[in-house]
Structures are given as C-alpha cells and as structure tokens.
Amino acid sequence: VDPLRSQTGMARADVIEAFKNHFRSRYATVDGGITAEERARAEELVATKFGTPEWTARVP
C-alpha cells in the first residue's frame, strides 16, 4: 500500500478501499472473515513449513 500511497497522495485507507472496490467490480467477492479451522490450518502451516529455517532461509 505504501508505494501507491506515496505515488498517489491518497490516504492509506483510501488506497485499500480502492483495491477492494476494484476487486469487487471484477470478481464475485463477499466480505467475510477467517474461520477457526482456517486459522488453525494457517498456524499449522507456519509451524511445519513456512516458519521453518528451511523455508525462510532458502535461496532459490
């Protein structure tokens, strides 16, 4: 968001709202949240994959 904020002079909240409005106009979106199951799965992936040195220190 910051590069767009810097380049457009728009407030951060306005940049975010513009992104949301654009995606809403192009895709079938709905406002929602993260379920407990989704959060648990994300935490599991951090613990077992994305938070490991093998992942974070990997140089492709």
C-alpha atoms as a PDB file:
ATOM      1  CA  VAL A   1       0.000   0.000   0.000  1.00  0.00           C
ATOM      2  CA  ASP A   2       2.741   2.479   0.857  1.00  0.00           C
ATOM      3  CA  PRO A   3       4.221   2.838  -2.661  1.00  0.00           C
ATOM      4  CA  LEU A   4       0.744   3.582  -4.021  1.00  0.00           C
ATOM      5  CA  ARG A   5       0.050   5.958  -1.160  1.00  0.00           C
ATOM      6  CA  SER A   6       3.304   7.774  -1.894  1.00  0.00           C
ATOM      7  CA  GLN A   7       2.670   7.881  -5.637  1.00  0.00           C
ATOM      8  CA  THR A   8      -0.985   8.926  -5.497  1.00  0.00           C
ATOM      9  CA  GLY A   9      -1.068  11.052  -2.371  1.00  0.00           C
ATOM     10  CA  MET A  10      -4.136   9.081  -1.273  1.00  0.00           C
ATOM     11  CA  ALA A  11      -4.604   8.128   2.352  1.00  0.00           C
ATOM     12  CA  ARG A  12      -3.781   4.505   3.192  1.00  0.00           C
ATOM     13  CA  ALA A  13      -7.418   3.715   3.954  1.00  0.00           C
ATOM     14  CA  ASP A  14      -8.470   5.177   0.589  1.00  0.00           C
ATOM     15  CA  VAL A  15      -5.898   3.060  -1.277  1.00  0.00           C
ATOM     16  CA  ILE A  16      -7.154  -0.072   0.467  1.00  0.00           C
ATOM     17  CA  GLU A  17     -10.773   0.828  -0.277  1.00  0.00           C
ATOM     18  CA  ALA A  18      -9.914   1.445  -3.950  1.00  0.00           C
ATOM     19  CA  PHE A  19      -8.324  -2.014  -4.162  1.00  0.00           C
ATOM     20  CA  LYS A  20     -11.364  -3.606  -2.547  1.00  0.00           C
ATOM     21  CA  ASN A  21     -13.757  -1.771  -4.851  1.00  0.00           C
ATOM     22  CA  HIS A  22     -11.760  -2.773  -7.924  1.00  0.00           C
ATOM     23  CA  PHE A  23     -11.744  -6.452  -6.954  1.00  0.00           C
ATOM     24  CA  ARG A  24     -15.453  -6.297  -6.119  1.00  0.00           C
ATOM     25  CA  SER A  25     -16.173  -4.887  -9.576  1.00  0.00           C
ATOM     26  CA  ARG A  26     -14.190  -7.626 -11.348  1.00  0.00           C
ATOM     27  CA  TYR A  27     -14.779 -10.724  -9.258  1.00  0.00           C
ATOM     28  CA  ALA A  28     -17.636 -12.298  -7.346  1.00  0.00           C
ATOM     29  CA  THR A  29     -16.488 -11.377  -3.860  1.00  0.00           C
ATOM     30  CA  VAL A  30     -18.141 -11.319  -0.469  1.00  0.00           C
ATOM     31  CA  ASP A  31     -16.983  -9.748   2.759  1.00  0.00           C
ATOM     32  CA  GLY A  32     -16.100 -12.340   5.335  1.00  0.00           C
ATOM     33  CA  GLY A  33     -13.678 -13.462   7.932  1.00  0.00           C
ATOM     34  CA  ILE A  34     -11.375 -16.326   8.735  1.00  0.00           C
ATOM     35  CA  THR A  35     -12.915 -19.401  10.307  1.00  0.00           C
ATOM     36  CA  ALA A  36     -11.375 -21.107  13.317  1.00  0.00           C
ATOM     37  CA  GLU A  37     -10.477 -24.032  11.061  1.00  0.00           C
ATOM     38  CA  GLU A  38      -8.711 -21.762   8.555  1.00  0.00           C
ATOM     39  CA  ARG A  39      -6.751 -20.064  11.338  1.00  0.00           C
ATOM     40  CA  ALA A  40      -5.736 -23.427  12.815  1.00  0.00           C
ATOM     41  CA  ARG A  41      -4.578 -24.667   9.404  1.00  0.00           C
ATOM     42  CA  ALA A  42      -2.587 -21.476   8.825  1.00  0.00           C
ATOM     43  CA  GLU A  43      -0.895 -21.831  12.214  1.00  0.00           C
ATOM     44  CA  GLU A  44      -0.105 -25.462  11.413  1.00  0.00           C
ATOM     45  CA  LEU A  45       1.490 -24.434   8.097  1.00  0.00           C
ATOM     46  CA  VAL A  46       3.606 -21.805   9.845  1.00  0.00           C
ATOM     47  CA  ALA A  47       4.809 -24.371  12.383  1.00  0.00           C
ATOM     48  CA  THR A  48       5.518 -27.119   9.861  1.00  0.00           C
ATOM     49  CA  LYS A  49       6.563 -25.282   6.707  1.00  0.00           C
ATOM     50  CA  PHE A  50       6.509 -21.517   6.284  1.00  0.00           C
ATOM     51  CA  GLY A  51       8.073 -20.699   9.654  1.00  0.00           C
ATOM     52  CA  THR A  52      10.982 -23.119   9.342  1.00  0.00           C
ATOM     53  CA  PRO A  53      14.569 -22.140   8.525  1.00  0.00           C
ATOM     54  CA  GLU A  54      14.400 -24.468   5.529  1.00  0.00           C
ATOM     55  CA  TRP A  55      11.674 -22.224   4.110  1.00  0.00           C
ATOM     56  CA  THR A  56      12.687 -18.772   5.357  1.00  0.00           C
ATOM     57  CA  ALA A  57      16.423 -19.123   4.678  1.00  0.00           C
ATOM     58  CA  ARG A  58      16.078 -20.906   1.335  1.00  0.00           C
ATOM     59  CA  VAL A  59      17.781 -19.208  -1.580  1.00  0.00           C
ATOM     60  CA  PRO A  60      16.316 -20.454  -4.865  1.00  0.00           C
END
